[in-house]
Amino acid sequence: MSSFDVIENGWLAAPEVEAEAVSQCCVCAEPICSGDSYWETEGGDICCECMENMTAAAFLTDVCCERENIAKRD
């Protein structure tokens, strides 16, 4: 391919469009872009990657603001 063809192909190629951020993950602070899957919670939006890597205990503590208790007799 000649250098002219390379230049012409680059000129004719569609420009890369950056995905538009519509929200932000409340755990990792990465943008959630148009077309991305995410979880909508009371604590904020969470990207699927964070949700998949989060334990149930971490979810309850970090997102639901719950705390672990210790059982005791009255």
N, C-alpha and C. Protein backbone atom coordinates (compact mmCIF):
# COMPACT_ATOMS: atom_id res chain seq x y z
N MET A 1 0.86 -1.16 0.00
CA MET A 1 0.00 0.00 0.00
C MET A 1 0.91 1.23 0.00
N SER A 2 0.59 2.16 -0.87
CA SER A 2 1.41 3.38 -0.96
C SER A 2 1.10 4.31 0.21
N SER A 3 2.02 5.24 0.43
CA SER A 3 1.80 6.18 1.53
C SER A 3 0.57 7.05 1.28
N PHE A 4 0.27 7.30 0.00
CA PHE A 4 -0.94 8.06 -0.32
C PHE A 4 -2.19 7.29 0.11
N ASP A 5 -2.19 5.96 -0.13
CA ASP A 5 -3.33 5.13 0.27
C ASP A 5 -3.52 5.15 1.79
N VAL A 6 -2.42 5.08 2.52
CA VAL A 6 -2.49 5.11 3.98
C VAL A 6 -3.09 6.43 4.45
N ILE A 7 -2.63 7.52 3.87
CA ILE A 7 -3.14 8.84 4.24
C ILE A 7 -4.62 8.95 3.88
N GLU A 8 -4.97 8.48 2.68
CA GLU A 8 -6.36 8.56 2.24
C GLU A 8 -7.27 7.71 3.13
N ASN A 9 -6.83 6.51 3.50
CA ASN A 9 -7.64 5.64 4.36
C ASN A 9 -7.82 6.27 5.73
N GLY A 10 -6.77 6.90 6.27
CA GLY A 10 -6.88 7.57 7.56
C GLY A 10 -7.82 8.75 7.49
N TRP A 11 -7.81 9.45 6.38
CA TRP A 11 -8.67 10.61 6.20
C TRP A 11 -10.13 10.20 6.05
N LEU A 12 -10.36 9.07 5.38
CA LEU A 12 -11.72 8.61 5.13
C LEU A 12 -12.32 7.84 6.30
N ALA A 13 -11.49 7.39 7.23
CA ALA A 13 -11.99 6.60 8.36
C ALA A 13 -12.88 7.47 9.25
N ALA A 14 -13.91 6.84 9.78
CA ALA A 14 -14.80 7.55 10.70
C ALA A 14 -14.05 7.89 11.98
N PRO A 15 -14.26 9.07 12.53
CA PRO A 15 -13.56 9.42 13.77
C PRO A 15 -14.06 8.55 14.93
N GLU A 16 -13.14 8.23 15.84
CA GLU A 16 -13.52 7.45 17.01
C GLU A 16 -14.32 8.35 17.95
N VAL A 17 -15.45 7.85 18.37
CA VAL A 17 -16.33 8.63 19.24
C VAL A 17 -16.15 8.12 20.67
N GLU A 18 -15.84 9.01 21.58
CA GLU A 18 -15.71 8.64 22.99
C GLU A 18 -17.11 8.40 23.56
N ALA A 19 -17.24 7.34 24.34
CA ALA A 19 -18.52 7.06 24.98
C ALA A 19 -18.82 8.15 26.00
N GLU A 20 -20.05 8.58 26.04
CA GLU A 20 -20.48 9.65 26.93
C GLU A 20 -20.76 9.09 28.33
N ALA A 21 -20.10 9.66 29.33
CA ALA A 21 -20.33 9.24 30.71
C ALA A 21 -21.70 9.75 31.16
N VAL A 22 -22.50 8.83 31.70
CA VAL A 22 -23.84 9.21 32.17
C VAL A 22 -23.94 9.14 33.68
N SER A 23 -22.96 8.48 34.31
CA SER A 23 -22.94 8.37 35.76
C SER A 23 -21.52 8.02 36.19
N GLN A 24 -21.36 7.77 37.49
CA GLN A 24 -20.04 7.41 38.03
C GLN A 24 -20.24 6.33 39.09
N CYS A 25 -19.36 5.34 39.08
CA CYS A 25 -19.43 4.26 40.06
C CYS A 25 -19.09 4.82 41.43
N CYS A 26 -19.93 4.53 42.42
CA CYS A 26 -19.70 5.04 43.77
C CYS A 26 -18.62 4.26 44.51
N VAL A 27 -18.15 3.15 43.93
CA VAL A 27 -17.10 2.36 44.57
C VAL A 27 -15.73 2.72 44.01
N CYS A 28 -15.56 2.65 42.68
CA CYS A 28 -14.24 2.88 42.07
C CYS A 28 -14.11 4.26 41.44
N ALA A 29 -15.18 5.01 41.35
CA ALA A 29 -15.22 6.37 40.78
C ALA A 29 -14.95 6.41 39.28
N GLU A 30 -14.99 5.26 38.61
CA GLU A 30 -14.85 5.23 37.15
C GLU A 30 -16.18 5.65 36.52
N PRO A 31 -16.11 6.26 35.34
CA PRO A 31 -17.36 6.67 34.69
C PRO A 31 -18.17 5.46 34.21
N ILE A 32 -19.47 5.60 34.26
CA ILE A 32 -20.39 4.63 33.68
C ILE A 32 -20.90 5.30 32.41
N CYS A 33 -20.57 4.70 31.27
CA CYS A 33 -20.84 5.34 29.98
C CYS A 33 -22.12 4.81 29.35
N SER A 34 -22.61 5.57 28.42
CA SER A 34 -23.81 5.19 27.68
C SER A 34 -23.61 3.80 27.08
N GLY A 35 -24.54 2.89 27.35
CA GLY A 35 -24.46 1.52 26.86
C GLY A 35 -23.89 0.54 27.86
N ASP A 36 -23.26 1.02 28.95
CA ASP A 36 -22.70 0.14 29.98
C ASP A 36 -23.81 -0.39 30.88
N SER A 37 -23.63 -1.61 31.38
CA SER A 37 -24.53 -2.16 32.40
C SER A 37 -24.02 -1.72 33.76
N TYR A 38 -24.94 -1.46 34.68
CA TYR A 38 -24.56 -1.06 36.03
C TYR A 38 -25.71 -1.36 36.98
N TRP A 39 -25.43 -1.30 38.27
CA TRP A 39 -26.43 -1.52 39.30
C TRP A 39 -26.79 -0.18 39.92
N GLU A 40 -28.08 0.09 40.02
CA GLU A 40 -28.58 1.31 40.65
C GLU A 40 -28.98 0.96 42.08
N THR A 41 -28.30 1.53 43.07
CA THR A 41 -28.58 1.22 44.47
C THR A 41 -28.88 2.51 45.22
N GLU A 42 -29.37 2.37 46.43
CA GLU A 42 -29.63 3.53 47.29
C GLU A 42 -28.34 4.29 47.58
N GLY A 43 -27.21 3.55 47.64
CA GLY A 43 -25.92 4.17 47.92
C GLY A 43 -25.29 4.83 46.71
N GLY A 44 -25.82 4.58 45.54
CA GLY A 44 -25.28 5.15 44.30
C GLY A 44 -25.14 4.07 43.24
N ASP A 45 -24.75 4.47 42.05
CA ASP A 45 -24.58 3.54 40.94
C ASP A 45 -23.28 2.77 41.11
N ILE A 46 -23.30 1.47 40.77
CA ILE A 46 -22.12 0.62 40.89
C ILE A 46 -21.90 -0.09 39.56
N CYS A 47 -20.68 -0.01 39.04
CA CYS A 47 -20.37 -0.70 37.78
C CYS A 47 -20.38 -2.21 38.02
N CYS A 48 -20.61 -2.97 36.98
CA CYS A 48 -20.72 -4.42 37.10
C CYS A 48 -19.41 -5.05 37.57
N GLU A 49 -18.27 -4.48 37.17
CA GLU A 49 -16.98 -5.02 37.59
C GLU A 49 -16.83 -4.94 39.11
N CYS A 50 -17.18 -3.82 39.71
CA CYS A 50 -17.10 -3.68 41.16
C CYS A 50 -18.08 -4.62 41.84
N MET A 51 -19.29 -4.71 41.31
CA MET A 51 -20.31 -5.56 41.93
C MET A 51 -19.89 -7.02 41.90
N GLU A 52 -19.29 -7.46 40.80
CA GLU A 52 -18.86 -8.86 40.68
C GLU A 52 -17.72 -9.18 41.64
N ASN A 53 -16.89 -8.19 41.96
CA ASN A 53 -15.73 -8.41 42.83
C ASN A 53 -16.02 -8.13 44.30
N MET A 54 -17.24 -7.71 44.63
CA MET A 54 -17.58 -7.32 45.98
C MET A 54 -18.21 -8.49 46.75
N THR A 55 -17.76 -8.70 47.97
CA THR A 55 -18.39 -9.73 48.81
C THR A 55 -19.71 -9.17 49.34
N ALA A 56 -20.54 -10.06 49.84
CA ALA A 56 -21.81 -9.62 50.42
C ALA A 56 -21.57 -8.71 51.61
N ALA A 57 -20.57 -9.05 52.43
CA ALA A 57 -20.26 -8.22 53.61
C ALA A 57 -19.80 -6.83 53.19
N ALA A 58 -18.96 -6.74 52.17
CA ALA A 58 -18.50 -5.44 51.69
C ALA A 58 -19.65 -4.64 51.11
N PHE A 59 -20.56 -5.30 50.39
CA PHE A 59 -21.73 -4.61 49.84
C PHE A 59 -22.59 -4.02 50.95
N LEU A 60 -22.86 -4.83 51.97
CA LEU A 60 -23.70 -4.34 53.08
C LEU A 60 -23.03 -3.19 53.81
N THR A 61 -21.73 -3.27 54.01
CA THR A 61 -21.01 -2.22 54.73
C THR A 61 -20.85 -0.97 53.89
N ASP A 62 -20.33 -1.12 52.67
CA ASP A 62 -19.97 0.04 51.84
C ASP A 62 -21.16 0.70 51.15
N VAL A 63 -22.12 -0.08 50.71
CA VAL A 63 -23.22 0.46 49.93
C VAL A 63 -24.47 0.69 50.78
N CYS A 64 -24.81 -0.30 51.59
CA CYS A 64 -26.03 -0.20 52.39
C CYS A 64 -25.81 0.48 53.73
N CYS A 65 -24.56 0.78 54.05
CA CYS A 65 -24.19 1.44 55.31
C CYS A 65 -24.66 0.65 56.53
N GLU A 66 -24.67 -0.67 56.41
CA GLU A 66 -25.01 -1.54 57.53
C GLU A 66 -23.73 -1.86 58.28
N ARG A 67 -23.84 -2.31 59.52
CA ARG A 67 -22.65 -2.68 60.27
C ARG A 67 -22.84 -4.06 60.88
N GLU A 68 -21.73 -4.72 61.09
CA GLU A 68 -21.76 -6.05 61.70
C GLU A 68 -21.96 -5.88 63.21
N ASN A 69 -22.81 -6.72 63.78
CA ASN A 69 -23.09 -6.68 65.22
C ASN A 69 -22.62 -7.97 65.87
N ILE A 70 -22.49 -7.93 67.16
CA ILE A 70 -22.13 -9.12 67.93
C ILE A 70 -23.31 -9.45 68.84
N ALA A 71 -23.76 -10.69 68.76
CA ALA A 71 -24.91 -11.12 69.56
C ALA A 71 -24.50 -11.23 71.03
N LYS A 72 -25.39 -10.80 71.90
CA LYS A 72 -25.12 -10.91 73.33
C LYS A 72 -26.45 -11.09 74.06
N ARG A 73 -26.37 -11.67 75.20
CA ARG A 73 -27.58 -11.87 76.00
C ARG A 73 -27.88 -10.60 76.76
N ASP A 74 -29.14 -10.36 77.00
CA ASP A 74 -29.53 -9.18 77.75
C ASP A 74 -29.36 -9.38 79.23
